[in-house]
Amino acid sequence: MQASATVRAHAHETLDALAWRHLGATAGHVEATLNANPGLAKLAADLPEGHAVRLVKAAEPKRPMVYLWD
C-alpha cells in the first residue's frame, strides 16, 4: 500500500532531500515518487522553490528471514 501527500520544495532542493525531509528515508520512496510524477526526473536534481511534488511513501520491502544455523 502506498500513501501520498503533495509537498512543496525548498529552493535548490533535490528530490532525495525532499523525501528525506518528509519521510526520513529515500529507498523506494524516490522511485515511487518519480513514477507518480511524470516529467519530475528532469527537475529532480534541482527543484524550483515552491514546486509541488506528489511525494509517495512506498511500502516496506519484504525481506526473507535468514537463519545462520540451518
C-alpha atoms as a PDB file:
ATOM      1  CA  MET A   1       0.000   0.000   0.000  1.00  0.00           C
ATOM      2  CA  GLN A   2       1.297   3.440  -0.890  1.00  0.00           C
ATOM      3  CA  ALA A   3       0.377   6.714   0.780  1.00  0.00           C
ATOM      4  CA  SER A   4       0.990  10.082  -0.832  1.00  0.00           C
ATOM      5  CA  ALA A   5       0.915  13.776   0.005  1.00  0.00           C
ATOM      6  CA  THR A   6       1.632  16.892  -2.005  1.00  0.00           C
ATOM      7  CA  VAL A   7       4.571  18.869  -0.605  1.00  0.00           C
ATOM      8  CA  ARG A   8       6.465  21.974  -1.753  1.00  0.00           C
ATOM      9  CA  ALA A   9      10.203  22.042  -2.399  1.00  0.00           C
ATOM     10  CA  HIS A  10      12.685  24.470  -0.859  1.00  0.00           C
ATOM     11  CA  ALA A  11      14.946  26.445  -3.195  1.00  0.00           C
ATOM     12  CA  HIS A  12      17.521  24.229  -4.973  1.00  0.00           C
ATOM     13  CA  GLU A  13      16.373  21.114  -3.098  1.00  0.00           C
ATOM     14  CA  THR A  14      16.882  17.687  -4.649  1.00  0.00           C
ATOM     15  CA  LEU A  15      14.158  15.058  -4.786  1.00  0.00           C
ATOM     16  CA  ASP A  16      16.013  12.730  -2.430  1.00  0.00           C
ATOM     17  CA  ALA A  17      16.491  15.586   0.087  1.00  0.00           C
ATOM     18  CA  LEU A  18      12.765  16.329  -0.123  1.00  0.00           C
ATOM     19  CA  ALA A  19      11.946  12.660   0.540  1.00  0.00           C
ATOM     20  CA  TRP A  20      14.403  12.555   3.448  1.00  0.00           C
ATOM     21  CA  ARG A  21      12.957  15.753   4.968  1.00  0.00           C
ATOM     22  CA  HIS A  22       9.358  14.492   4.887  1.00  0.00           C
ATOM     23  CA  LEU A  23       9.717  10.703   5.185  1.00  0.00           C
ATOM     24  CA  GLY A  24      13.062  10.201   6.939  1.00  0.00           C
ATOM     25  CA  ALA A  25      14.249   7.810   4.221  1.00  0.00           C
ATOM     26  CA  THR A  26      14.797   7.684   0.473  1.00  0.00           C
ATOM     27  CA  ALA A  27      14.933   3.992  -0.510  1.00  0.00           C
ATOM     28  CA  GLY A  28      11.896   3.122  -2.590  1.00  0.00           C
ATOM     29  CA  HIS A  29      10.196   6.470  -1.925  1.00  0.00           C
ATOM     30  CA  VAL A  30      12.154   8.389  -4.583  1.00  0.00           C
ATOM     31  CA  GLU A  31      11.417   5.772  -7.218  1.00  0.00           C
ATOM     32  CA  ALA A  32       7.699   5.657  -6.328  1.00  0.00           C
ATOM     33  CA  THR A  33       7.545   9.467  -6.386  1.00  0.00           C
ATOM     34  CA  LEU A  34       9.175   9.599  -9.829  1.00  0.00           C
ATOM     35  CA  ASN A  35       6.606   7.085 -11.122  1.00  0.00           C
ATOM     36  CA  ALA A  36       3.747   9.192  -9.724  1.00  0.00           C
ATOM     37  CA  ASN A  37       5.023  12.499 -11.167  1.00  0.00           C
ATOM     38  CA  PRO A  38       5.595  12.364 -14.945  1.00  0.00           C
ATOM     39  CA  GLY A  39       8.404  14.723 -16.008  1.00  0.00           C
ATOM     40  CA  LEU A  40       9.776  15.171 -12.485  1.00  0.00           C
ATOM     41  CA  ALA A  41      13.028  13.367 -13.328  1.00  0.00           C
ATOM     42  CA  LYS A  42      14.109  16.408 -15.389  1.00  0.00           C
ATOM     43  CA  LEU A  43      13.881  18.630 -12.281  1.00  0.00           C
ATOM     44  CA  ALA A  44      14.842  16.131  -9.559  1.00  0.00           C
ATOM     45  CA  ALA A  45      18.451  17.345  -9.204  1.00  0.00           C
ATOM     46  CA  ASP A  46      17.444  20.993  -8.613  1.00  0.00           C
ATOM     47  CA  LEU A  47      13.775  21.538  -7.779  1.00  0.00           C
ATOM     48  CA  PRO A  48      12.486  25.113  -8.133  1.00  0.00           C
ATOM     49  CA  GLU A  49      11.390  26.788  -4.893  1.00  0.00           C
ATOM     50  CA  GLY A  50       7.721  26.057  -4.179  1.00  0.00           C
ATOM     51  CA  HIS A  51       7.446  23.327  -6.804  1.00  0.00           C
ATOM     52  CA  ALA A  52       4.612  20.971  -5.850  1.00  0.00           C
ATOM     53  CA  VAL A  53       5.594  17.299  -5.704  1.00  0.00           C
ATOM     54  CA  ARG A  54       3.263  14.385  -5.013  1.00  0.00           C
ATOM     55  CA  LEU A  55       5.509  12.545  -2.562  1.00  0.00           C
ATOM     56  CA  VAL A  56       4.727   8.814  -2.400  1.00  0.00           C
ATOM     57  CA  LYS A  57       5.592   6.664   0.603  1.00  0.00           C
ATOM     58  CA  ALA A  58       6.423   3.205  -0.718  1.00  0.00           C
ATOM     59  CA  ALA A  59       5.640   0.013   1.151  1.00  0.00           C
ATOM     60  CA  GLU A  60       8.419  -1.561   3.218  1.00  0.00           C
ATOM     61  CA  PRO A  61      10.225  -4.224   1.186  1.00  0.00           C
ATOM     62  CA  LYS A  62       9.712  -7.830   2.214  1.00  0.00           C
ATOM     63  CA  ARG A  63      12.974  -9.349   3.419  1.00  0.00           C
ATOM     64  CA  PRO A  64      13.407 -13.090   3.702  1.00  0.00           C
ATOM     65  CA  MET A  65      14.444 -14.386   7.111  1.00  0.00           C
ATOM     66  CA  VAL A  66      17.993 -15.721   7.154  1.00  0.00           C
ATOM     67  CA  TYR A  67      18.863 -18.441   9.660  1.00  0.00           C
ATOM     68  CA  LEU A  68      22.577 -18.931  10.226  1.00  0.00           C
ATOM     69  CA  TRP A  69      22.354 -22.478  11.570  1.00  0.00           C
ATOM     70  CA  ASP A  70      20.051 -24.213   9.105  1.00  0.00           C
END
